[in-house]
Amino acid sequence: MFGKRSTPSESILILGLGGIGLYLAKRLVHEGYAVTILESDSQLLNRADENLDARLITGSAMSIKCWEEAGAGDMDFMIAVTDNDAVNMLSALIANGFGIEQKIARVRSLEYGHKDSLLQAEDLKIDLFIHPEELAAQEIVRLIKRTSGDEIIDIALGKMQAMAAKIDDDSQLANKTLIEIAKAYSDIAFRVVAIARGITTIIPTGKTEILPHDQIMIMAGTEELPKLMALTGMKKQRRLRVMIVGGGLVGSRIAELLGKTVRVKLLEKDEKRATELSSMLPDTEVLLGDGSDKEVLNAAGLADTDTFISATGENETNIMTCMLVKHIVGTEGETQHKTKTISLVNKEEYVVLASTSGSDIAINKKILAGNDIFTFIRRSEMLSLSHMHGFDAEVVDLIAAPNSLITKKSLASLDSELAEHIIVGSVFRDGKWETAVGETQVNAGDRAIVICDSLSLKEVRELFLT
């Protein structure tokens, strides 16, 4: 590896060790932060104690004595992610009393955190509101509004794009190494920066071969997008008919956001909830039924659906329902009509599995929320941090510091072990973005888009900032 490693000096207090709390704690500990966790559930703490190098305290977020035991007065950040909105918001006021400068609070209710709220963030002393369910719903709506229906992330104010594409058996890219692909399509400036295969994400090298059924992430300039869509077989298709399974916070919010722009059908198996949704969503056709049942799906009009979303609270149901939909459409549907599937996957270990089985796109609200929080904490170093759905990979936008390790070697000369986890997709210099290649030399002050696996952000920082 390169030189000595730097360790963040900040201390972070996390309140709540549920799904998001544990996910954040793992990432922050891996980054080298001093993390203290306050949690009232001793069982959650016992499970975390086995594989988490953090200070764990059993107690209530509403107990000042517990805050004192946690050393709150010495903390730089407070992240409140308990399952209680009121506790999280009040915790920000307590943190302010202890002199903690940066306060982050998870809030499910949309009545707080926007410009028209009765209580503003300043009133509650909250520096960053996190709405995980809203983040997931907004992201799914963004994907639906893409005419291709596939995931495309705008980077660098839209000058560069990261695009996900699935490789079919007859794809022009199948069974070729990246070196062979670069030679065959030298007229297109692009780079394959990640491959999802089975349950694994691969950061590729030139010798890596793309196989049928892989999901690949491609980085290129926006002007190359039409050529890449043709190369990967991606077609533009207007998404005017959407079917949602699950009327929880995420599913109902997707329907509300889509409003009158598309035709939305929402399947909910709980009769009481379905009745509530019918009143709440006048522009949505709410149907009572089990969306994981083939007969129910067919009766609801699956054959005419452009985008199918499984947003129940159960990971397995969402993944299996999308697999069922692909089977139904593939065996009974029209060959010209392709239904895109999106699954809400709350267990991050299942994200890659979902995207390589029945889901075209897998959304994880913990990862979305975590990246917003991580970008906020690291905002002095990173211009942005995005997650590519269906990959265990992050897209980082940052600037190379003077005398940083990345400026001392070409990309091809990077440590081979490091190259298995990090790839530079593009570099901005002389007023324009260039797709990075092995001979590319990153200079001090250059802006770069880097793709890395989710546990290699620390190595990216060491490479570009130390």
Protein backbone atom coordinates (compact mmCIF):
# COMPACT_ATOMS: atom_id res chain seq x y z
CA MET A 1 0.00 0.00 0.00
CA PHE A 2 0.97 3.67 -0.09
CA GLY A 3 2.65 5.36 2.88
CA LYS A 4 1.06 5.87 6.28
CA ARG A 5 -2.65 6.13 6.82
CA SER A 6 -4.54 9.08 8.24
CA THR A 7 -7.23 8.70 10.85
CA PRO A 8 -10.14 11.11 11.31
CA SER A 9 -9.90 13.01 14.59
CA GLU A 10 -13.64 13.56 15.03
CA SER A 11 -15.72 11.75 17.64
CA ILE A 12 -19.28 10.71 16.83
CA LEU A 13 -22.19 9.85 19.10
CA ILE A 14 -24.87 7.63 17.53
CA LEU A 15 -28.25 7.29 19.23
CA GLY A 16 -30.01 4.08 18.20
CA LEU A 17 -28.60 0.83 16.90
CA GLY A 18 -31.40 -0.25 14.58
CA GLY A 19 -30.84 -0.82 10.87
CA ILE A 20 -29.51 2.61 9.94
CA GLY A 21 -27.61 3.08 13.20
CA LEU A 22 -25.70 -0.18 12.84
CA TYR A 23 -25.02 0.43 9.14
CA LEU A 24 -23.62 3.90 9.89
CA ALA A 25 -21.58 2.65 12.84
CA LYS A 26 -19.88 -0.03 10.73
CA ARG A 27 -18.94 2.44 8.01
CA LEU A 28 -17.75 5.14 10.40
CA VAL A 29 -15.68 2.72 12.49
CA HIS A 30 -14.08 1.39 9.30
CA GLU A 31 -13.21 4.98 8.39
CA GLY A 32 -11.38 5.35 11.70
CA TYR A 33 -13.81 7.58 13.58
CA ALA A 34 -14.15 7.26 17.35
CA VAL A 35 -17.75 6.07 17.61
CA THR A 36 -19.87 5.86 20.76
CA ILE A 37 -23.33 4.29 20.59
CA LEU A 38 -26.19 4.82 23.04
CA GLU A 39 -28.94 2.18 22.80
CA SER A 40 -31.63 1.03 25.24
CA ASP A 41 -32.01 -2.48 23.79
CA SER A 42 -29.35 -4.70 25.39
CA GLN A 43 -29.90 -7.46 22.81
CA LEU A 44 -28.99 -5.13 19.95
CA LEU A 45 -25.88 -4.04 21.85
CA ASN A 46 -24.82 -7.62 22.57
CA ARG A 47 -25.07 -8.53 18.87
CA ALA A 48 -23.13 -5.42 17.85
CA ASP A 49 -20.45 -6.00 20.48
CA GLU A 50 -19.31 -9.12 18.65
CA ASN A 51 -18.20 -7.37 15.46
CA LEU A 52 -18.15 -3.61 16.05
CA ASP A 53 -15.12 -1.77 17.43
CA ALA A 54 -17.07 1.02 19.10
CA ARG A 55 -17.90 2.16 22.61
CA LEU A 56 -21.35 0.77 23.48
CA ILE A 57 -23.53 2.18 26.26
CA THR A 58 -26.84 0.76 27.44
CA GLY A 59 -29.27 3.55 28.21
CA SER A 60 -31.95 5.95 27.06
CA ALA A 61 -31.38 8.80 24.63
CA MET A 62 -33.57 10.87 26.97
CA SER A 63 -31.30 10.35 29.99
CA ILE A 64 -28.85 13.18 30.61
CA LYS A 65 -26.79 10.84 32.80
CA CYS A 66 -26.37 8.49 29.84
CA TRP A 67 -25.23 11.41 27.69
CA GLU A 68 -22.68 12.34 30.34
CA GLU A 69 -21.48 8.72 30.52
CA ALA A 70 -21.05 8.79 26.75
CA GLY A 71 -18.85 11.87 27.01
CA ALA A 72 -21.24 14.01 24.97
CA GLY A 73 -19.34 17.19 25.79
CA ASP A 74 -16.35 15.90 23.79
CA MET A 75 -18.29 14.86 20.69
CA ASP A 76 -18.04 16.56 17.29
CA PHE A 77 -21.15 14.95 15.74
CA MET A 78 -24.43 13.59 17.09
CA ILE A 79 -26.49 11.29 14.86
CA ALA A 80 -29.96 10.45 16.22
CA VAL A 81 -31.42 7.46 14.38
CA THR A 82 -33.76 5.88 16.93
CA ASP A 83 -37.18 4.69 15.76
CA ASN A 84 -38.88 7.66 17.46
CA ASP A 85 -39.08 11.01 15.62
CA ALA A 86 -39.71 12.99 18.80
CA VAL A 87 -36.70 11.46 20.55
CA ASN A 88 -34.46 12.20 17.58
CA MET A 89 -35.53 15.84 17.36
CA LEU A 90 -35.30 16.44 21.10
CA SER A 91 -31.87 14.79 21.08
CA ALA A 92 -30.62 17.59 18.84
CA LEU A 93 -31.60 20.13 21.51
CA ILE A 94 -29.83 18.07 24.18
CA ALA A 95 -26.76 17.76 21.97
CA ASN A 96 -26.77 21.52 21.49
CA GLY A 97 -26.80 21.92 25.27
CA PHE A 98 -23.68 19.76 25.50
CA GLY A 99 -21.98 21.90 22.86
CA ILE A 100 -21.94 19.30 20.08
CA GLU A 101 -21.48 21.36 16.91
CA GLN A 102 -23.05 19.10 14.26
CA LYS A 103 -26.44 17.46 14.84
CA ILE A 104 -28.11 14.98 12.46
CA ALA A 105 -31.58 13.55 13.04
CA ARG A 106 -33.57 10.85 11.28
CA VAL A 107 -37.23 11.85 10.97
CA ARG A 108 -39.89 9.77 9.23
CA SER A 109 -42.60 12.43 9.27
CA LEU A 110 -42.54 14.87 6.37
CA GLU A 111 -44.11 17.54 8.58
CA TYR A 112 -40.60 18.48 9.66
CA GLY A 113 -37.49 19.42 7.74
CA HIS A 114 -38.87 21.47 4.84
CA LYS A 115 -39.19 25.21 4.28
CA ASP A 116 -42.90 25.34 5.20
CA SER A 117 -42.57 23.42 8.48
CA LEU A 118 -43.91 25.07 11.62
CA LEU A 119 -40.64 24.20 13.34
CA GLN A 120 -37.57 24.85 11.21
CA ALA A 121 -34.24 23.02 11.47
CA GLU A 122 -32.76 26.08 13.19
CA ASP A 123 -35.46 25.96 15.86
CA LEU A 124 -34.63 22.34 16.63
CA LYS A 125 -30.85 22.91 16.34
CA ILE A 126 -30.67 20.24 13.63
CA ASP A 127 -27.98 20.66 10.96
CA LEU A 128 -29.18 17.80 8.75
CA PHE A 129 -32.60 16.16 8.54
CA ILE A 130 -32.62 12.61 7.18
CA HIS A 131 -35.85 11.12 5.78
CA PRO A 132 -34.85 7.58 4.64
CA GLU A 133 -38.28 6.65 3.30
CA GLU A 134 -38.55 9.95 1.43
CA LEU A 135 -35.06 9.46 -0.03
CA ALA A 136 -36.07 6.02 -1.31
CA ALA A 137 -39.34 7.28 -2.78
CA GLN A 138 -37.69 10.28 -4.47
CA GLU A 139 -34.99 8.06 -5.95
CA ILE A 140 -37.50 5.59 -7.36
CA VAL A 141 -39.54 8.42 -8.89
CA ARG A 142 -36.36 9.83 -10.46
CA LEU A 143 -35.62 6.45 -12.01
CA ILE A 144 -39.16 6.09 -13.35
CA LYS A 145 -38.94 9.47 -15.05
CA ARG A 146 -35.85 8.33 -16.94
CA THR A 147 -37.20 7.30 -20.35
CA SER A 148 -34.75 4.40 -20.53
CA GLY A 149 -35.99 3.02 -17.23
CA ASP A 150 -32.42 2.03 -16.33
CA GLU A 151 -30.30 3.68 -13.74
CA ILE A 152 -28.29 6.69 -14.84
CA ILE A 153 -26.61 8.95 -12.31
CA ASP A 154 -25.73 12.51 -13.27
CA ILE A 155 -22.27 13.47 -12.03
CA ALA A 156 -20.44 16.78 -12.13
CA LEU A 157 -23.60 18.81 -12.83
CA GLY A 158 -24.60 16.41 -15.61
CA LYS A 159 -21.33 16.57 -17.56
CA MET A 160 -20.55 12.92 -16.75
CA GLN A 161 -22.89 10.00 -16.23
CA ALA A 162 -22.70 6.58 -14.62
CA MET A 163 -25.03 4.11 -16.29
CA ALA A 164 -26.06 0.60 -15.26
CA ALA A 165 -26.74 -2.01 -17.93
CA LYS A 166 -27.54 -5.71 -17.84
CA ILE A 167 -25.59 -8.00 -20.19
CA ASP A 168 -27.73 -10.45 -22.17
CA ASP A 169 -26.45 -13.64 -23.81
CA ASP A 170 -26.30 -11.95 -27.21
CA SER A 171 -24.78 -8.67 -25.97
CA GLN A 172 -21.92 -7.21 -28.00
CA LEU A 173 -19.94 -6.90 -24.76
CA ALA A 174 -20.43 -10.46 -23.51
CA ASN A 175 -17.42 -12.78 -23.19
CA LYS A 176 -14.91 -10.01 -23.88
CA THR A 177 -12.24 -8.53 -21.62
CA LEU A 178 -12.21 -4.80 -21.01
CA ILE A 179 -9.03 -4.51 -23.08
CA GLU A 180 -10.78 -6.19 -26.02
CA ILE A 181 -13.82 -3.95 -25.59
CA ALA A 182 -11.68 -0.80 -25.52
CA LYS A 183 -10.01 -1.80 -28.80
CA ALA A 184 -13.27 -2.79 -30.50
CA TYR A 185 -15.10 0.41 -29.55
CA SER A 186 -12.30 2.95 -29.50
CA ASP A 187 -14.64 5.55 -31.03
CA ILE A 188 -16.63 5.70 -27.77
CA ALA A 189 -14.98 7.26 -24.71
CA PHE A 190 -16.27 5.14 -21.84
CA ARG A 191 -15.04 2.94 -19.02
CA VAL A 192 -16.59 -0.06 -17.30
CA VAL A 193 -16.02 0.73 -13.63
CA ALA A 194 -17.94 -2.00 -11.76
CA ILE A 195 -19.50 -5.39 -12.39
CA ALA A 196 -22.21 -7.05 -10.28
CA ARG A 197 -22.03 -10.81 -10.62
CA GLY A 198 -24.08 -13.14 -8.42
CA ILE A 199 -23.77 -11.63 -4.94
CA THR A 200 -20.39 -10.01 -5.64
CA THR A 201 -19.31 -6.60 -6.92
CA ILE A 202 -16.09 -6.59 -8.95
CA ILE A 203 -13.93 -3.51 -9.49
CA PRO A 204 -12.49 -4.57 -12.87
CA THR A 205 -9.07 -4.38 -14.48
CA GLY A 206 -8.27 -4.54 -18.18
CA LYS A 207 -8.10 -8.33 -18.03
CA THR A 208 -11.54 -8.73 -16.45
CA GLU A 209 -14.03 -10.51 -18.72
CA ILE A 210 -17.68 -9.47 -18.92
CA LEU A 211 -20.03 -12.44 -18.80
CA PRO A 212 -23.69 -12.90 -19.76
CA HIS A 213 -26.09 -11.90 -16.94
CA ASP A 214 -23.56 -9.49 -15.43
CA GLN A 215 -24.81 -6.07 -14.40
CA ILE A 216 -22.19 -3.48 -15.38
CA MET A 217 -21.64 0.15 -14.46
CA ILE A 218 -20.31 2.36 -17.26
CA MET A 219 -18.90 5.87 -16.88
CA ALA A 220 -18.83 8.28 -19.81
CA GLY A 221 -19.46 11.84 -20.87
CA THR A 222 -23.10 12.79 -21.40
CA GLU A 223 -22.54 13.16 -25.15
CA GLU A 224 -21.63 9.45 -25.38
CA LEU A 225 -24.91 8.28 -23.86
CA PRO A 226 -26.80 7.60 -27.15
CA LYS A 227 -23.93 5.44 -28.46
CA LEU A 228 -23.72 3.53 -25.19
CA MET A 229 -27.46 2.90 -25.13
CA ALA A 230 -27.19 1.42 -28.62
CA LEU A 231 -24.14 -0.63 -27.65
CA THR A 232 -25.78 -2.11 -24.56
CA GLY A 233 -29.19 -2.59 -26.15
CA MET A 234 -30.86 -0.09 -23.87
CA LYS A 235 -34.02 1.36 -25.38
CA LYS A 236 -35.98 4.47 -24.57
CA GLN A 237 -39.46 3.64 -23.41
CA ARG A 238 -41.96 6.02 -21.88
CA ARG A 239 -42.99 4.84 -18.43
CA LEU A 240 -46.66 5.80 -18.25
CA ARG A 241 -48.07 2.79 -16.37
CA VAL A 242 -46.72 1.96 -12.92
CA MET A 243 -47.74 -0.81 -10.53
CA ILE A 244 -46.71 -0.66 -6.86
CA VAL A 245 -46.98 -3.52 -4.38
CA GLY A 246 -47.07 -2.35 -0.76
CA GLY A 247 -48.80 0.74 0.58
CA GLY A 248 -46.39 1.58 3.38
CA LEU A 249 -44.48 4.86 3.75
CA VAL A 250 -42.38 4.32 0.63
CA GLY A 251 -45.03 2.81 -1.65
CA SER A 252 -47.68 5.41 -0.82
CA ARG A 253 -45.19 8.26 -1.17
CA ILE A 254 -44.12 7.05 -4.64
CA ALA A 255 -47.76 7.07 -5.72
CA GLU A 256 -48.25 10.56 -4.27
CA LEU A 257 -45.13 11.96 -5.98
CA LEU A 258 -46.07 10.52 -9.36
CA GLY A 259 -49.49 12.13 -9.01
CA LYS A 260 -51.19 12.69 -12.34
CA THR A 261 -48.02 12.35 -14.45
CA VAL A 262 -48.43 8.58 -14.90
CA ARG A 263 -51.12 5.97 -14.34
CA VAL A 264 -50.46 4.31 -10.98
CA LYS A 265 -51.98 1.13 -9.55
CA LEU A 266 -51.17 0.27 -5.94
CA LEU A 267 -51.76 -3.22 -4.52
CA GLU A 268 -52.23 -3.44 -0.74
CA LYS A 269 -53.23 -6.68 1.01
CA ASP A 270 -54.45 -5.07 4.26
CA GLU A 271 -58.08 -4.02 3.84
CA LYS A 272 -57.98 -1.19 6.39
CA ARG A 273 -54.80 0.27 4.92
CA ALA A 274 -56.18 -0.04 1.38
CA THR A 275 -59.23 1.97 2.42
CA GLU A 276 -57.01 4.67 3.94
CA LEU A 277 -54.89 4.84 0.80
CA SER A 278 -57.96 5.22 -1.41
CA SER A 279 -58.81 8.42 0.47
CA MET A 280 -55.22 9.67 0.63
CA LEU A 281 -54.37 9.09 -3.04
CA PRO A 282 -57.19 10.30 -5.31
CA ASP A 283 -55.02 9.98 -8.44
CA THR A 284 -54.02 6.37 -7.70
CA GLU A 285 -56.05 3.23 -8.37
CA VAL A 286 -55.78 1.35 -5.07
CA LEU A 287 -56.51 -2.40 -5.29
CA LEU A 288 -56.98 -4.85 -2.43
CA GLY A 289 -54.89 -7.97 -2.94
CA ASP A 290 -51.64 -9.84 -2.35
CA GLY A 291 -49.13 -8.51 -4.88
CA SER A 292 -46.96 -11.62 -4.59
CA ASP A 293 -49.78 -13.76 -6.05
CA LYS A 294 -49.59 -14.45 -9.80
CA GLU A 295 -53.35 -14.40 -10.32
CA VAL A 296 -53.71 -11.10 -8.46
CA LEU A 297 -50.94 -9.52 -10.54
CA ASN A 298 -52.47 -10.65 -13.82
CA ALA A 299 -55.93 -9.47 -12.78
CA ALA A 300 -54.46 -6.08 -11.81
CA GLY A 301 -53.06 -5.60 -15.32
CA LEU A 302 -49.41 -6.60 -15.05
CA ALA A 303 -49.26 -7.27 -18.80
CA ASP A 304 -49.75 -3.55 -19.50
CA THR A 305 -47.34 -2.31 -16.81
CA ASP A 306 -44.20 -0.38 -17.78
CA THR A 307 -42.61 -0.23 -14.32
CA PHE A 308 -43.26 -2.63 -11.44
CA ILE A 309 -42.21 -1.68 -7.90
CA SER A 310 -42.22 -4.04 -4.93
CA ALA A 311 -42.08 -1.85 -1.81
CA THR A 312 -43.37 -4.04 1.00
CA GLY A 313 -41.56 -4.18 4.33
CA GLU A 314 -40.17 -7.66 3.62
CA ASN A 315 -36.91 -8.09 1.68
CA GLU A 316 -37.62 -11.62 0.52
CA THR A 317 -41.12 -10.72 -0.67
CA ASN A 318 -39.82 -7.81 -2.73
CA ILE A 319 -37.02 -9.82 -4.35
CA MET A 320 -39.18 -12.88 -5.07
CA THR A 321 -42.09 -10.80 -6.37
CA CYS A 322 -39.82 -9.09 -8.90
CA MET A 323 -38.52 -12.51 -9.97
CA LEU A 324 -42.13 -13.67 -10.38
CA VAL A 325 -42.97 -10.60 -12.47
CA LYS A 326 -39.99 -11.20 -14.76
CA HIS A 327 -41.12 -14.81 -15.21
CA ILE A 328 -44.72 -13.82 -15.97
CA VAL A 329 -43.73 -11.10 -18.42
CA GLY A 330 -41.07 -13.29 -20.03
CA THR A 331 -43.35 -16.28 -20.62
CA GLU A 332 -46.74 -14.67 -21.09
CA GLY A 333 -46.07 -11.08 -22.07
CA GLU A 334 -45.43 -9.41 -25.40
CA THR A 335 -41.82 -9.56 -26.53
CA GLN A 336 -41.90 -5.89 -27.53
CA HIS A 337 -43.05 -4.77 -24.09
CA LYS A 338 -40.42 -4.83 -21.38
CA THR A 339 -41.51 -4.30 -17.78
CA LYS A 340 -38.83 -2.78 -15.56
CA THR A 341 -38.73 -4.03 -11.98
CA ILE A 342 -37.62 -2.08 -8.92
CA SER A 343 -37.37 -3.67 -5.47
CA LEU A 344 -37.01 -2.04 -2.07
CA VAL A 345 -34.32 -4.05 -0.27
CA ASN A 346 -33.71 -3.08 3.34
CA LYS A 347 -30.88 -5.55 3.94
CA GLU A 348 -27.76 -4.24 2.24
CA GLU A 349 -26.33 -7.76 1.85
CA TYR A 350 -29.21 -8.56 -0.52
CA VAL A 351 -28.78 -5.58 -2.85
CA VAL A 352 -26.40 -7.18 -5.36
CA LEU A 353 -28.34 -10.47 -5.23
CA ALA A 354 -31.58 -8.63 -6.03
CA SER A 355 -30.10 -6.74 -8.98
CA THR A 356 -28.65 -9.89 -10.55
CA SER A 357 -31.84 -11.92 -10.17
CA GLY A 358 -35.29 -10.47 -10.81
CA SER A 359 -34.82 -6.78 -10.04
CA ASP A 360 -33.57 -4.36 -12.67
CA ILE A 361 -32.86 -1.91 -9.84
CA ALA A 362 -32.59 -2.55 -6.08
CA ILE A 363 -33.07 0.40 -3.72
CA ASN A 364 -31.77 0.43 -0.14
CA LYS A 365 -32.90 3.32 2.06
CA LYS A 366 -30.15 2.72 4.64
CA ILE A 367 -27.48 3.21 1.99
CA LEU A 368 -29.21 6.34 0.64
CA ALA A 369 -29.48 7.82 4.14
CA GLY A 370 -25.95 6.74 5.03
CA ASN A 371 -24.46 8.43 1.98
CA ASP A 372 -26.28 11.68 2.74
CA ILE A 373 -24.91 11.58 6.28
CA PHE A 374 -21.43 10.59 5.17
CA THR A 375 -21.33 13.34 2.55
CA PHE A 376 -22.35 15.85 5.24
CA ILE A 377 -19.62 14.67 7.61
CA ARG A 378 -17.00 14.65 4.85
CA ARG A 379 -18.24 17.72 2.98
CA SER A 380 -14.89 19.50 3.32
CA GLU A 381 -13.20 16.63 1.42
CA MET A 382 -15.81 15.17 -0.94
CA LEU A 383 -17.84 17.15 -3.45
CA SER A 384 -20.41 14.35 -3.58
CA LEU A 385 -20.96 10.70 -2.73
CA SER A 386 -23.49 8.53 -4.60
CA HIS A 387 -24.46 4.88 -4.49
CA MET A 388 -25.05 2.84 -7.64
CA HIS A 389 -28.10 0.72 -6.90
CA GLY A 390 -27.48 -2.98 -7.30
CA PHE A 391 -23.73 -2.65 -6.75
CA ASP A 392 -21.75 -2.72 -3.53
CA ALA A 393 -19.98 0.38 -4.81
CA GLU A 394 -19.83 4.14 -4.28
CA VAL A 395 -19.24 6.98 -6.74
CA VAL A 396 -17.04 9.67 -5.18
CA ASP A 397 -16.39 13.16 -6.56
CA LEU A 398 -13.30 14.80 -5.05
CA ILE A 399 -10.20 16.90 -5.76
CA ALA A 400 -6.62 15.61 -5.56
CA ALA A 401 -4.61 17.39 -2.88
CA PRO A 402 -1.05 18.67 -3.50
CA ASN A 403 1.55 15.93 -2.99
CA SER A 404 -1.18 13.31 -2.53
CA LEU A 405 -0.29 9.73 -3.36
CA ILE A 406 -2.46 9.65 -6.49
CA THR A 407 -0.37 12.44 -8.07
CA LYS A 408 2.85 10.42 -7.89
CA LYS A 409 1.99 7.55 -10.25
CA SER A 410 -0.07 6.86 -13.33
CA LEU A 411 -3.27 4.89 -12.78
CA ALA A 412 -1.70 1.80 -14.36
CA SER A 413 1.06 1.91 -11.73
CA LEU A 414 -1.27 1.77 -8.74
CA ASP A 415 -0.78 -0.97 -6.20
CA SER A 416 -2.47 -4.11 -7.60
CA GLU A 417 -4.22 -4.77 -4.29
CA LEU A 418 -5.62 -1.25 -4.30
CA ALA A 419 -6.75 -1.60 -7.92
CA GLU A 420 -9.05 -4.44 -6.85
CA HIS A 421 -11.08 -1.98 -4.78
CA ILE A 422 -10.71 1.43 -6.46
CA ILE A 423 -10.97 2.68 -10.05
CA VAL A 424 -10.75 6.24 -11.38
CA GLY A 425 -13.52 6.76 -13.93
CA SER A 426 -12.85 10.28 -15.18
CA VAL A 427 -10.72 13.37 -14.55
CA PHE A 428 -11.52 17.07 -15.06
CA ARG A 429 -8.66 19.18 -16.39
CA ASP A 430 -8.17 22.05 -18.83
CA GLY A 431 -11.86 22.85 -18.61
CA LYS A 432 -13.18 19.46 -19.73
CA TRP A 433 -13.87 15.94 -18.47
CA GLU A 434 -11.77 13.05 -19.79
CA THR A 435 -12.46 9.34 -19.41
CA ALA A 436 -9.56 7.93 -17.40
CA VAL A 437 -7.31 5.22 -18.85
CA GLY A 438 -4.29 3.36 -17.51
CA GLU A 439 -1.85 6.02 -18.69
CA THR A 440 -3.82 8.86 -17.07
CA GLN A 441 -1.83 10.85 -14.52
CA VAL A 442 -3.89 12.70 -11.91
CA ASN A 443 -2.33 16.04 -10.97
CA ALA A 444 -2.77 18.16 -7.87
CA GLY A 445 -5.99 20.15 -8.13
CA ASP A 446 -7.56 17.77 -10.66
CA ARG A 447 -11.14 16.81 -9.96
CA ALA A 448 -11.79 13.08 -10.27
CA ILE A 449 -14.72 10.68 -10.21
CA VAL A 450 -13.71 7.54 -8.33
CA ILE A 451 -15.60 4.28 -7.96
CA CYS A 452 -14.80 2.05 -5.02
CA ASP A 453 -16.36 -0.78 -3.09
CA SER A 454 -18.35 0.40 -0.10
CA LEU A 455 -15.64 -0.32 2.46
CA SER A 456 -12.81 1.42 0.60
CA LEU A 457 -13.70 5.09 1.10
CA LYS A 458 -10.87 5.35 3.59
CA GLU A 459 -8.40 4.16 0.96
CA VAL A 460 -9.79 6.70 -1.54
CA ARG A 461 -9.19 9.48 0.99
CA GLU A 462 -5.66 8.25 1.66
CA LEU A 463 -4.95 8.15 -2.07
CA PHE A 464 -6.30 11.60 -2.92
CA LEU A 465 -6.02 13.63 0.27
CA THR A 466 -2.82 12.53 2.05
